[in-house]
Amino acid sequence: MSPTERHVVAVAARSIEPQSSGEIEADAARRGVRPAATRQALRRLAARGHIDRVANGMRGRYAVNDRLFRRYLDLQECPR
């Protein structure tokens, strides 16, 4: 995973409830990730199955539903 993708997946994993892409973009922007890079990373992560896209439409909602993957992220040195 690229550093941008690590930031984005860490932001998405922080919340138990699915977050809109706008919320994830805003949180990632505070960490220095540009909104366009965040949107691209969300698409790539969802395509690979690292995060789940739970709503269709222009602005989807994303979540990390796998508890084991969430635990793995907690144990790693992921930027939060």
PDB file of N, CA and C in Angstrom:
ATOM      1  N   MET A   1       0.835  -1.180   0.000  1.00  0.00           N
ATOM      2  CA  MET A   1       0.000   0.000   0.000  1.00  0.00           C
ATOM      3  C   MET A   1       0.880   1.244   0.000  1.00  0.00           C
ATOM      4  N   SER A   2       0.453   2.216  -0.766  1.00  0.00           N
ATOM      5  CA  SER A   2       1.187   3.473  -0.804  1.00  0.00           C
ATOM      6  C   SER A   2       0.919   4.265   0.476  1.00  0.00           C
ATOM      7  N   PRO A   3       1.752   5.255   0.784  1.00  0.00           N
ATOM      8  CA  PRO A   3       1.509   6.066   1.980  1.00  0.00           C
ATOM      9  C   PRO A   3       0.139   6.757   1.963  1.00  0.00           C
ATOM     10  N   THR A   4      -0.282   7.226   0.800  1.00  0.00           N
ATOM     11  CA  THR A   4      -1.605   7.858   0.696  1.00  0.00           C
ATOM     12  C   THR A   4      -2.698   6.861   1.024  1.00  0.00           C
ATOM     13  N   GLU A   5      -2.587   5.651   0.480  1.00  0.00           N
ATOM     14  CA  GLU A   5      -3.584   4.620   0.757  1.00  0.00           C
ATOM     15  C   GLU A   5      -3.583   4.243   2.230  1.00  0.00           C
ATOM     16  N   ARG A   6      -2.422   4.236   2.859  1.00  0.00           N
ATOM     17  CA  ARG A   6      -2.357   3.935   4.294  1.00  0.00           C
ATOM     18  C   ARG A   6      -3.097   4.993   5.110  1.00  0.00           C
ATOM     19  N   HIS A   7      -2.905   6.254   4.744  1.00  0.00           N
ATOM     20  CA  HIS A   7      -3.625   7.329   5.425  1.00  0.00           C
ATOM     21  C   HIS A   7      -5.126   7.153   5.261  1.00  0.00           C
ATOM     22  N   VAL A   8      -5.551   6.897   4.039  1.00  0.00           N
ATOM     23  CA  VAL A   8      -6.994   6.803   3.744  1.00  0.00           C
ATOM     24  C   VAL A   8      -7.611   5.601   4.447  1.00  0.00           C
ATOM     25  N   VAL A   9      -6.970   4.452   4.424  1.00  0.00           N
ATOM     26  CA  VAL A   9      -7.538   3.276   5.078  1.00  0.00           C
ATOM     27  C   VAL A   9      -7.547   3.461   6.595  1.00  0.00           C
ATOM     28  N   ALA A  10      -6.565   4.158   7.137  1.00  0.00           N
ATOM     29  CA  ALA A  10      -6.562   4.424   8.577  1.00  0.00           C
ATOM     30  C   ALA A  10      -7.717   5.342   8.959  1.00  0.00           C
ATOM     31  N   VAL A  11      -7.999   6.338   8.128  1.00  0.00           N
ATOM     32  CA  VAL A  11      -9.125   7.239   8.388  1.00  0.00           C
ATOM     33  C   VAL A  11     -10.435   6.473   8.310  1.00  0.00           C
ATOM     34  N   ALA A  12     -10.584   5.621   7.294  1.00  0.00           N
ATOM     35  CA  ALA A  12     -11.817   4.857   7.126  1.00  0.00           C
ATOM     36  C   ALA A  12     -12.001   3.840   8.253  1.00  0.00           C
ATOM     37  N   ALA A  13     -10.916   3.304   8.776  1.00  0.00           N
ATOM     38  CA  ALA A  13     -11.005   2.282   9.817  1.00  0.00           C
ATOM     39  C   ALA A  13     -11.311   2.858  11.196  1.00  0.00           C
ATOM     40  N   ARG A  14     -11.095   4.149  11.369  1.00  0.00           N
ATOM     41  CA  ARG A  14     -11.338   4.750  12.684  1.00  0.00           C
ATOM     42  C   ARG A  14     -12.801   4.717  13.085  1.00  0.00           C
ATOM     43  N   SER A  15     -13.688   4.780  12.131  1.00  0.00           N
ATOM     44  CA  SER A  15     -15.117   4.827  12.427  1.00  0.00           C
ATOM     45  C   SER A  15     -15.753   3.454  12.226  1.00  0.00           C
ATOM     46  N   ILE A  16     -16.636   3.088  13.131  1.00  0.00           N
ATOM     47  CA  ILE A  16     -17.358   1.825  12.995  1.00  0.00           C
ATOM     48  C   ILE A  16     -18.470   1.965  11.959  1.00  0.00           C
ATOM     49  N   GLU A  17     -19.082   3.142  11.916  1.00  0.00           N
ATOM     50  CA  GLU A  17     -20.137   3.418  10.948  1.00  0.00           C
ATOM     51  C   GLU A  17     -19.516   3.829   9.613  1.00  0.00           C
ATOM     52  N   PRO A  18     -20.162   3.485   8.497  1.00  0.00           N
ATOM     53  CA  PRO A  18     -19.642   3.929   7.199  1.00  0.00           C
ATOM     54  C   PRO A  18     -19.607   5.455   7.102  1.00  0.00           C
ATOM     55  N   GLN A  19     -18.524   5.979   6.554  1.00  0.00           N
ATOM     56  CA  GLN A  19     -18.344   7.416   6.382  1.00  0.00           C
ATOM     57  C   GLN A  19     -18.489   7.770   4.908  1.00  0.00           C
ATOM     58  N   SER A  20     -19.004   8.968   4.640  1.00  0.00           N
ATOM     59  CA  SER A  20     -19.081   9.416   3.255  1.00  0.00           C
ATOM     60  C   SER A  20     -17.680   9.752   2.773  1.00  0.00           C
ATOM     61  N   SER A  21     -17.519   9.747   1.461  1.00  0.00           N
ATOM     62  CA  SER A  21     -16.206  10.058   0.918  1.00  0.00           C
ATOM     63  C   SER A  21     -15.803  11.485   1.270  1.00  0.00           C
ATOM     64  N   GLY A  22     -16.763  12.390   1.394  1.00  0.00           N
ATOM     65  CA  GLY A  22     -16.462  13.768   1.787  1.00  0.00           C
ATOM     66  C   GLY A  22     -15.884  13.853   3.185  1.00  0.00           C
ATOM     67  N   GLU A  23     -16.430  13.072   4.110  1.00  0.00           N
ATOM     68  CA  GLU A  23     -15.902  13.052   5.472  1.00  0.00           C
ATOM     69  C   GLU A  23     -14.478  12.497   5.503  1.00  0.00           C
ATOM     70  N   ILE A  24     -14.254  11.455   4.718  1.00  0.00           N
ATOM     71  CA  ILE A  24     -12.917  10.853   4.652  1.00  0.00           C
ATOM     72  C   ILE A  24     -11.941  11.827   4.012  1.00  0.00           C
ATOM     73  N   GLU A  25     -12.381  12.526   2.950  1.00  0.00           N
ATOM     74  CA  GLU A  25     -11.525  13.523   2.301  1.00  0.00           C
ATOM     75  C   GLU A  25     -11.129  14.627   3.274  1.00  0.00           C
ATOM     76  N   ALA A  26     -12.090  15.124   4.045  1.00  0.00           N
ATOM     77  CA  ALA A  26     -11.807  16.207   4.992  1.00  0.00           C
ATOM     78  C   ALA A  26     -10.813  15.756   6.059  1.00  0.00           C
ATOM     79  N   ASP A  27     -11.005  14.544   6.567  1.00  0.00           N
ATOM     80  CA  ASP A  27     -10.103  14.024   7.594  1.00  0.00           C
ATOM     81  C   ASP A  27      -8.704  13.785   7.022  1.00  0.00           C
ATOM     82  N   ALA A  28      -8.649  13.244   5.807  1.00  0.00           N
ATOM     83  CA  ALA A  28      -7.351  12.990   5.176  1.00  0.00           C
ATOM     84  C   ALA A  28      -6.651  14.301   4.813  1.00  0.00           C
ATOM     85  N   ALA A  29      -7.418  15.336   4.469  1.00  0.00           N
ATOM     86  CA  ALA A  29      -6.817  16.632   4.136  1.00  0.00           C
ATOM     87  C   ALA A  29      -6.100  17.230   5.342  1.00  0.00           C
ATOM     88  N   ARG A  30      -6.634  16.989   6.526  1.00  0.00           N
ATOM     89  CA  ARG A  30      -5.958  17.462   7.738  1.00  0.00           C
ATOM     90  C   ARG A  30      -4.620  16.757   7.953  1.00  0.00           C
ATOM     91  N   ARG A  31      -4.457  15.625   7.323  1.00  0.00           N
ATOM     92  CA  ARG A  31      -3.205  14.875   7.419  1.00  0.00           C
ATOM     93  C   ARG A  31      -2.303  15.103   6.211  1.00  0.00           C
ATOM     94  N   GLY A  32      -2.706  16.020   5.325  1.00  0.00           N
ATOM     95  CA  GLY A  32      -1.858  16.382   4.197  1.00  0.00           C
ATOM     96  C   GLY A  32      -2.126  15.643   2.904  1.00  0.00           C
ATOM     97  N   VAL A  33      -3.222  14.902   2.810  1.00  0.00           N
ATOM     98  CA  VAL A  33      -3.548  14.181   1.591  1.00  0.00           C
ATOM     99  C   VAL A  33      -4.558  15.007   0.798  1.00  0.00           C
ATOM    100  N   ARG A  34      -4.247  15.274  -0.467  1.00  0.00           N
ATOM    101  CA  ARG A  34      -5.138  16.079  -1.300  1.00  0.00           C
ATOM    102  C   ARG A  34      -6.430  15.319  -1.600  1.00  0.00           C
ATOM    103  N   PRO A  35      -7.557  16.040  -1.746  1.00  0.00           N
ATOM    104  CA  PRO A  35      -8.853  15.386  -2.005  1.00  0.00           C
ATOM    105  C   PRO A  35      -8.864  14.489  -3.241  1.00  0.00           C
ATOM    106  N   ALA A  36      -8.221  14.914  -4.311  1.00  0.00           N
ATOM    107  CA  ALA A  36      -8.202  14.085  -5.520  1.00  0.00           C
ATOM    108  C   ALA A  36      -7.457  12.772  -5.270  1.00  0.00           C
ATOM    109  N   ALA A  37      -6.369  12.834  -4.523  1.00  0.00           N
ATOM    110  CA  ALA A  37      -5.613  11.624  -4.190  1.00  0.00           C
ATOM    111  C   ALA A  37      -6.432  10.716  -3.276  1.00  0.00           C
ATOM    112  N   THR A  38      -7.222  11.323  -2.384  1.00  0.00           N
ATOM    113  CA  THR A  38      -8.076  10.544  -1.491  1.00  0.00           C
ATOM    114  C   THR A  38      -9.142   9.796  -2.282  1.00  0.00           C
ATOM    115  N   ARG A  39      -9.788  10.478  -3.220  1.00  0.00           N
ATOM    116  CA  ARG A  39     -10.825   9.825  -4.034  1.00  0.00           C
ATOM    117  C   ARG A  39     -10.249   8.668  -4.838  1.00  0.00           C
ATOM    118  N   GLN A  40      -9.070   8.880  -5.420  1.00  0.00           N
ATOM    119  CA  GLN A  40      -8.429   7.821  -6.190  1.00  0.00           C
ATOM    120  C   GLN A  40      -8.048   6.645  -5.293  1.00  0.00           C
ATOM    121  N   ALA A  41      -7.538   6.939  -4.113  1.00  0.00           N
ATOM    122  CA  ALA A  41      -7.166   5.874  -3.173  1.00  0.00           C
ATOM    123  C   ALA A  41      -8.394   5.098  -2.715  1.00  0.00           C
ATOM    124  N   LEU A  42      -9.514   5.792  -2.479  1.00  0.00           N
ATOM    125  CA  LEU A  42     -10.751   5.104  -2.091  1.00  0.00           C
ATOM    126  C   LEU A  42     -11.187   4.134  -3.172  1.00  0.00           C
ATOM    127  N   ARG A  43     -11.126   4.572  -4.432  1.00  0.00           N
ATOM    128  CA  ARG A  43     -11.510   3.688  -5.537  1.00  0.00           C
ATOM    129  C   ARG A  43     -10.609   2.464  -5.602  1.00  0.00           C
ATOM    130  N   ARG A  44      -9.290   2.686  -5.479  1.00  0.00           N
ATOM    131  CA  ARG A  44      -8.344   1.566  -5.547  1.00  0.00           C
ATOM    132  C   ARG A  44      -8.523   0.603  -4.382  1.00  0.00           C
ATOM    133  N   LEU A  45      -8.686   1.145  -3.170  1.00  0.00           N
ATOM    134  CA  LEU A  45      -8.847   0.298  -1.988  1.00  0.00           C
ATOM    135  C   LEU A  45     -10.137  -0.509  -2.054  1.00  0.00           C
ATOM    136  N   ALA A  46     -11.207   0.093  -2.558  1.00  0.00           N
ATOM    137  CA  ALA A  46     -12.474  -0.634  -2.701  1.00  0.00           C
ATOM    138  C   ALA A  46     -12.358  -1.716  -3.772  1.00  0.00           C
ATOM    139  N   ALA A  47     -11.648  -1.428  -4.850  1.00  0.00           N
ATOM    140  CA  ALA A  47     -11.472  -2.417  -5.920  1.00  0.00           C
ATOM    141  C   ALA A  47     -10.664  -3.620  -5.435  1.00  0.00           C
ATOM    142  N   ARG A  48      -9.695  -3.377  -4.572  1.00  0.00           N
ATOM    143  CA  ARG A  48      -8.872  -4.468  -4.034  1.00  0.00           C
ATOM    144  C   ARG A  48      -9.540  -5.209  -2.884  1.00  0.00           C
ATOM    145  N   GLY A  49     -10.603  -4.638  -2.329  1.00  0.00           N
ATOM    146  CA  GLY A  49     -11.307  -5.290  -1.236  1.00  0.00           C
ATOM    147  C   GLY A  49     -10.798  -4.930   0.146  1.00  0.00           C
ATOM    148  N   HIS A  50      -9.922  -3.928   0.244  1.00  0.00           N
ATOM    149  CA  HIS A  50      -9.416  -3.513   1.555  1.00  0.00           C
ATOM    150  C   HIS A  50     -10.481  -2.764   2.351  1.00  0.00           C
ATOM    151  N   ILE A  51     -11.306  -1.991   1.662  1.00  0.00           N
ATOM    152  CA  ILE A  51     -12.426  -1.309   2.303  1.00  0.00           C
ATOM    153  C   ILE A  51     -13.682  -1.628   1.508  1.00  0.00           C
ATOM    154  N   ASP A  52     -14.829  -1.462   2.137  1.00  0.00           N
ATOM    155  CA  ASP A  52     -16.101  -1.769   1.490  1.00  0.00           C
ATOM    156  C   ASP A  52     -16.825  -0.481   1.133  1.00  0.00           C
ATOM    157  N   ARG A  53     -17.348  -0.451  -0.084  1.00  0.00           N
ATOM    158  CA  ARG A  53     -18.200   0.660  -0.504  1.00  0.00           C
ATOM    159  C   ARG A  53     -19.625   0.193  -0.256  1.00  0.00           C
ATOM    160  N   VAL A  54     -20.313   0.850   0.666  1.00  0.00           N
ATOM    161  CA  VAL A  54     -21.626   0.369   1.086  1.00  0.00           C
ATOM    162  C   VAL A  54     -22.778   1.144   0.467  1.00  0.00           C
ATOM    163  N   ALA A  55     -22.505   2.214  -0.268  1.00  0.00           N
ATOM    164  CA  ALA A  55     -23.569   2.962  -0.929  1.00  0.00           C
ATOM    165  C   ALA A  55     -23.100   3.368  -2.314  1.00  0.00           C
ATOM    166  N   ASN A  56     -23.964   3.233  -3.273  1.00  0.00           N
ATOM    167  CA  ASN A  56     -23.636   3.651  -4.626  1.00  0.00           C
ATOM    168  C   ASN A  56     -24.105   5.074  -4.854  1.00  0.00           C
ATOM    169  N   GLY A  57     -23.685   5.638  -5.921  1.00  0.00           N
ATOM    170  CA  GLY A  57     -24.032   7.013  -6.237  1.00  0.00           C
ATOM    171  C   GLY A  57     -22.761   7.805  -6.446  1.00  0.00           C
ATOM    172  N   MET A  58     -22.929   9.098  -6.593  1.00  0.00           N
ATOM    173  CA  MET A  58     -21.756   9.935  -6.849  1.00  0.00           C
ATOM    174  C   MET A  58     -20.797   9.935  -5.668  1.00  0.00           C
ATOM    175  N   ARG A  59     -21.310  10.055  -4.455  1.00  0.00           N
ATOM    176  CA  ARG A  59     -20.464  10.072  -3.268  1.00  0.00           C
ATOM    177  C   ARG A  59     -20.829   8.855  -2.420  1.00  0.00           C
ATOM    178  N   GLY A  60     -20.009   7.832  -2.482  1.00  0.00           N
ATOM    179  CA  GLY A  60     -20.302   6.613  -1.744  1.00  0.00           C
ATOM    180  C   GLY A  60     -19.967   6.737  -0.267  1.00  0.00           C
ATOM    181  N   ARG A  61     -20.333   5.710   0.466  1.00  0.00           N
ATOM    182  CA  ARG A  61     -19.988   5.597   1.886  1.00  0.00           C
ATOM    183  C   ARG A  61     -19.059   4.394   2.002  1.00  0.00           C
ATOM    184  N   TYR A  62     -18.019   4.568   2.792  1.00  0.00           N
ATOM    185  CA  TYR A  62     -16.970   3.553   2.888  1.00  0.00           C
ATOM    186  C   TYR A  62     -16.766   3.139   4.335  1.00  0.00           C
ATOM    187  N   ALA A  63     -16.421   1.856   4.515  1.00  0.00           N
ATOM    188  CA  ALA A  63     -16.164   1.331   5.854  1.00  0.00           C
ATOM    189  C   ALA A  63     -15.183   0.169   5.754  1.00  0.00           C
ATOM    190  N   VAL A  64     -14.510  -0.082   6.858  1.00  0.00           N
ATOM    191  CA  VAL A  64     -13.674  -1.272   6.990  1.00  0.00           C
ATOM    192  C   VAL A  64     -14.464  -2.204   7.894  1.00  0.00           C
ATOM    193  N   ASN A  65     -15.102  -3.202   7.313  1.00  0.00           N
ATOM    194  CA  ASN A  65     -15.986  -4.087   8.068  1.00  0.00           C
ATOM    195  C   ASN A  65     -15.271  -5.295   8.668  1.00  0.00           C
ATOM    196  N   ASP A  66     -14.116  -5.636   8.145  1.00  0.00           N
ATOM    197  CA  ASP A  66     -13.383  -6.804   8.624  1.00  0.00           C
ATOM    198  C   ASP A  66     -12.699  -6.475   9.953  1.00  0.00           C
ATOM    199  N   ARG A  67     -13.167  -7.095  11.030  1.00  0.00           N
ATOM    200  CA  ARG A  67     -12.613  -6.797  12.361  1.00  0.00           C
ATOM    201  C   ARG A  67     -11.158  -7.205  12.483  1.00  0.00           C
ATOM    202  N   LEU A  68     -10.778  -8.291  11.836  1.00  0.00           N
ATOM    203  CA  LEU A  68      -9.382  -8.734  11.891  1.00  0.00           C
ATOM    204  C   LEU A  68      -8.465  -7.718  11.201  1.00  0.00           C
ATOM    205  N   PHE A  69      -8.877  -7.206  10.058  1.00  0.00           N
ATOM    206  CA  PHE A  69      -8.095  -6.191   9.353  1.00  0.00           C
ATOM    207  C   PHE A  69      -8.017  -4.909  10.180  1.00  0.00           C
ATOM    208  N   ARG A  70      -9.119  -4.561  10.845  1.00  0.00           N
ATOM    209  CA  ARG A  70      -9.134  -3.397  11.736  1.00  0.00           C
ATOM    210  C   ARG A  70      -8.114  -3.566  12.868  1.00  0.00           C
ATOM    211  N   ARG A  71      -8.088  -4.761  13.436  1.00  0.00           N
ATOM    212  CA  ARG A  71      -7.138  -5.060  14.527  1.00  0.00           C
ATOM    213  C   ARG A  71      -5.701  -4.985  14.012  1.00  0.00           C
ATOM    214  N   TYR A  72      -5.472  -5.511  12.815  1.00  0.00           N
ATOM    215  CA  TYR A  72      -4.155  -5.439  12.187  1.00  0.00           C
ATOM    216  C   TYR A  72      -3.718  -3.983  12.030  1.00  0.00           C
ATOM    217  N   LEU A  73      -4.633  -3.125  11.593  1.00  0.00           N
ATOM    218  CA  LEU A  73      -4.313  -1.706  11.435  1.00  0.00           C
ATOM    219  C   LEU A  73      -3.985  -1.062  12.771  1.00  0.00           C
ATOM    220  N   ASP A  74      -4.685  -1.470  13.823  1.00  0.00           N
ATOM    221  CA  ASP A  74      -4.401  -0.935  15.155  1.00  0.00           C
ATOM    222  C   ASP A  74      -3.002  -1.317  15.631  1.00  0.00           C
ATOM    223  N   LEU A  75      -2.564  -2.506  15.280  1.00  0.00           N
ATOM    224  CA  LEU A  75      -1.258  -2.986  15.716  1.00  0.00           C
ATOM    225  C   LEU A  75      -0.099  -2.439  14.882  1.00  0.00           C
ATOM    226  N   GLN A  76      -0.397  -1.979  13.668  1.00  0.00           N
ATOM    227  CA  GLN A  76       0.629  -1.435  12.788  1.00  0.00           C
ATOM    228  C   GLN A  76       0.918   0.017  13.136  1.00  0.00           C
ATOM    229  N   GLU A  77       1.954   0.519  12.548  1.00  0.00           N
ATOM    230  CA  GLU A  77       2.311   1.922  12.718  1.00  0.00           C
ATOM    231  C   GLU A  77       1.598   2.757  11.669  1.00  0.00           C
ATOM    232  N   CYS A  78       0.268   2.657  11.594  1.00  0.00           N
ATOM    233  CA  CYS A  78      -0.501   3.425  10.630  1.00  0.00           C
ATOM    234  C   CYS A  78      -0.673   4.845  11.144  1.00  0.00           C
ATOM    235  N   PRO A  79      -0.531   5.813  10.258  1.00  0.00           N
ATOM    236  CA  PRO A  79      -0.742   7.206  10.675  1.00  0.00           C
ATOM    237  C   PRO A  79      -2.188   7.452  10.998  1.00  0.00           C
ATOM    238  N   ARG A  80      -2.449   8.054  12.117  1.00  0.00           N
ATOM    239  CA  ARG A  80      -3.831   8.325  12.521  1.00  0.00           C
ATOM    240  C   ARG A  80      -3.967   9.743  12.770  1.00  0.00           C
TER     241      ARG A  80
END
